[in-house]
N, C-alpha and C. Protein backbone atom coordinates (compact mmCIF):
# COMPACT_ATOMS: atom_id res chain seq x y z
N MET A 1 -144.68 -2.00 23.74
CA MET A 1 -144.08 -2.57 22.55
C MET A 1 -144.07 -1.56 21.40
N SER A 2 -145.17 -0.85 21.26
CA SER A 2 -145.26 0.14 20.19
C SER A 2 -144.22 1.25 20.38
N GLN A 3 -143.98 1.63 21.64
CA GLN A 3 -142.98 2.66 21.91
C GLN A 3 -141.60 2.19 21.51
N ASN A 4 -141.31 0.93 21.74
CA ASN A 4 -140.00 0.38 21.36
C ASN A 4 -139.80 0.42 19.85
N ARG A 5 -140.84 0.06 19.11
CA ARG A 5 -140.75 0.10 17.64
C ARG A 5 -140.54 1.52 17.16
N GLN A 6 -141.26 2.47 17.76
CA GLN A 6 -141.11 3.86 17.36
C GLN A 6 -139.72 4.37 17.69
N THR A 7 -139.22 3.97 18.84
CA THR A 7 -137.86 4.36 19.23
C THR A 7 -136.84 3.81 18.23
N LEU A 8 -137.02 2.57 17.84
CA LEU A 8 -136.10 1.97 16.85
C LEU A 8 -136.20 2.69 15.51
N LYS A 9 -137.42 3.02 15.10
CA LYS A 9 -137.61 3.76 13.84
C LYS A 9 -136.95 5.13 13.92
N ASP A 10 -137.15 5.82 15.04
CA ASP A 10 -136.56 7.15 15.22
C ASP A 10 -135.04 7.09 15.20
N ARG A 11 -134.51 6.06 15.87
CA ARG A 11 -133.05 5.90 15.91
C ARG A 11 -132.50 5.62 14.51
N ALA A 12 -133.19 4.76 13.76
CA ALA A 12 -132.76 4.45 12.40
C ALA A 12 -132.84 5.70 11.51
N GLN A 13 -133.89 6.48 11.66
CA GLN A 13 -134.03 7.71 10.87
C GLN A 13 -132.93 8.71 11.22
N ALA A 14 -132.63 8.82 12.51
CA ALA A 14 -131.58 9.73 12.95
C ALA A 14 -130.22 9.30 12.38
N GLU A 15 -129.97 8.02 12.37
CA GLU A 15 -128.70 7.53 11.81
C GLU A 15 -128.63 7.78 10.31
N THR A 16 -129.73 7.57 9.62
CA THR A 16 -129.77 7.85 8.18
C THR A 16 -129.54 9.33 7.93
N ASP A 17 -130.20 10.18 8.69
CA ASP A 17 -130.01 11.63 8.55
C ASP A 17 -128.56 12.01 8.77
N TYR A 18 -127.95 11.43 9.80
CA TYR A 18 -126.55 11.72 10.11
C TYR A 18 -125.65 11.34 8.93
N LYS A 19 -125.86 10.14 8.39
CA LYS A 19 -125.03 9.68 7.28
C LYS A 19 -125.19 10.56 6.05
N VAL A 20 -126.43 10.96 5.76
CA VAL A 20 -126.69 11.82 4.62
C VAL A 20 -126.02 13.18 4.83
N ASN A 21 -126.16 13.73 6.02
CA ASN A 21 -125.55 15.03 6.31
C ASN A 21 -124.03 14.96 6.22
N LEU A 22 -123.45 13.88 6.71
CA LEU A 22 -122.00 13.71 6.66
C LEU A 22 -121.54 13.62 5.21
N LYS A 23 -122.24 12.84 4.40
CA LYS A 23 -121.88 12.71 2.99
C LYS A 23 -121.98 14.06 2.28
N ASN A 24 -123.04 14.80 2.56
CA ASN A 24 -123.20 16.11 1.94
C ASN A 24 -122.11 17.07 2.37
N GLU A 25 -121.72 17.02 3.63
CA GLU A 25 -120.65 17.88 4.12
C GLU A 25 -119.34 17.58 3.39
N VAL A 26 -119.05 16.31 3.22
CA VAL A 26 -117.83 15.91 2.49
C VAL A 26 -117.90 16.41 1.05
N ASN A 27 -119.06 16.25 0.41
CA ASN A 27 -119.21 16.71 -0.97
C ASN A 27 -119.05 18.22 -1.08
N ILE A 28 -119.59 18.96 -0.14
CA ILE A 28 -119.47 20.41 -0.15
C ILE A 28 -118.01 20.81 0.03
N GLU A 29 -117.31 20.18 0.95
CA GLU A 29 -115.90 20.48 1.16
C GLU A 29 -115.09 20.19 -0.10
N THR A 30 -115.39 19.11 -0.78
CA THR A 30 -114.71 18.77 -2.02
C THR A 30 -114.97 19.82 -3.09
N MET A 31 -116.23 20.24 -3.21
CA MET A 31 -116.57 21.26 -4.21
C MET A 31 -115.88 22.58 -3.90
N LEU A 32 -115.82 22.96 -2.63
CA LEU A 32 -115.16 24.21 -2.26
C LEU A 32 -113.66 24.15 -2.56
N ARG A 33 -113.04 23.00 -2.29
CA ARG A 33 -111.62 22.85 -2.61
C ARG A 33 -111.38 22.95 -4.11
N GLU A 34 -112.24 22.27 -4.89
CA GLU A 34 -112.10 22.32 -6.34
C GLU A 34 -112.34 23.74 -6.87
N LEU A 35 -113.28 24.46 -6.29
CA LEU A 35 -113.54 25.83 -6.70
C LEU A 35 -112.33 26.72 -6.40
N ALA A 36 -111.71 26.53 -5.25
CA ALA A 36 -110.52 27.30 -4.90
C ALA A 36 -109.38 27.01 -5.87
N GLU A 37 -109.23 25.73 -6.24
CA GLU A 37 -108.19 25.36 -7.21
C GLU A 37 -108.47 25.99 -8.57
N LEU A 38 -109.71 25.99 -8.97
CA LEU A 38 -110.09 26.59 -10.25
C LEU A 38 -109.82 28.09 -10.25
N ARG A 39 -110.18 28.75 -9.16
CA ARG A 39 -109.92 30.19 -9.06
C ARG A 39 -108.44 30.49 -9.13
N ALA A 40 -107.63 29.69 -8.46
CA ALA A 40 -106.18 29.88 -8.49
C ALA A 40 -105.65 29.70 -9.91
N GLU A 41 -106.17 28.71 -10.62
CA GLU A 41 -105.75 28.48 -12.00
C GLU A 41 -106.15 29.65 -12.90
N VAL A 42 -107.35 30.16 -12.71
CA VAL A 42 -107.80 31.31 -13.51
C VAL A 42 -106.92 32.52 -13.24
N ARG A 43 -106.60 32.77 -11.96
CA ARG A 43 -105.72 33.91 -11.63
C ARG A 43 -104.35 33.74 -12.27
N ALA A 44 -103.81 32.54 -12.23
CA ALA A 44 -102.50 32.29 -12.81
C ALA A 44 -102.52 32.54 -14.32
N ARG A 45 -103.58 32.08 -14.98
CA ARG A 45 -103.68 32.30 -16.43
C ARG A 45 -103.84 33.78 -16.75
N GLN A 46 -104.60 34.49 -15.92
CA GLN A 46 -104.76 35.92 -16.15
C GLN A 46 -103.43 36.65 -16.01
N MET A 47 -102.63 36.25 -15.03
CA MET A 47 -101.32 36.87 -14.84
C MET A 47 -100.43 36.62 -16.05
N VAL A 48 -100.48 35.41 -16.59
CA VAL A 48 -99.67 35.08 -17.76
C VAL A 48 -100.14 35.92 -18.95
N GLN A 49 -101.42 36.04 -19.14
CA GLN A 49 -101.95 36.84 -20.24
C GLN A 49 -101.57 38.31 -20.09
N GLU A 50 -101.62 38.83 -18.88
CA GLU A 50 -101.24 40.23 -18.65
C GLU A 50 -99.78 40.44 -18.98
N ARG A 51 -98.90 39.50 -18.57
CA ARG A 51 -97.48 39.62 -18.86
C ARG A 51 -97.22 39.57 -20.37
N GLU A 52 -97.97 38.70 -21.06
CA GLU A 52 -97.78 38.56 -22.50
C GLU A 52 -98.28 39.80 -23.24
N SER A 53 -99.31 40.43 -22.76
CA SER A 53 -99.86 41.58 -23.45
C SER A 53 -99.15 42.87 -23.06
N ASN A 54 -98.41 42.87 -21.97
CA ASN A 54 -97.67 44.05 -21.51
C ASN A 54 -96.22 43.71 -21.25
N PRO A 55 -95.45 43.42 -22.30
CA PRO A 55 -94.05 43.06 -22.08
C PRO A 55 -93.26 44.25 -21.54
N ALA A 56 -92.32 43.95 -20.67
CA ALA A 56 -91.53 45.02 -20.04
C ALA A 56 -90.39 45.46 -20.88
C-alpha cells in the first residue's frame, strides 16, 4: 500500500514538473521572440537616424 501511495506521489510530482517546465519553455520562447522584435526595431531606428544624419 505504501508503495502505491509513493508511486502516486511521484507521478503527481512528475506531472507538476512537466507542466512547470512546459510553461517556462513557452515563456522563454515568448521572451526570445519579443527580444528579436525589439532588436529589429532598434536596427530600423538606427538606420533611420543614420540616413537623417548623412543625407545623400
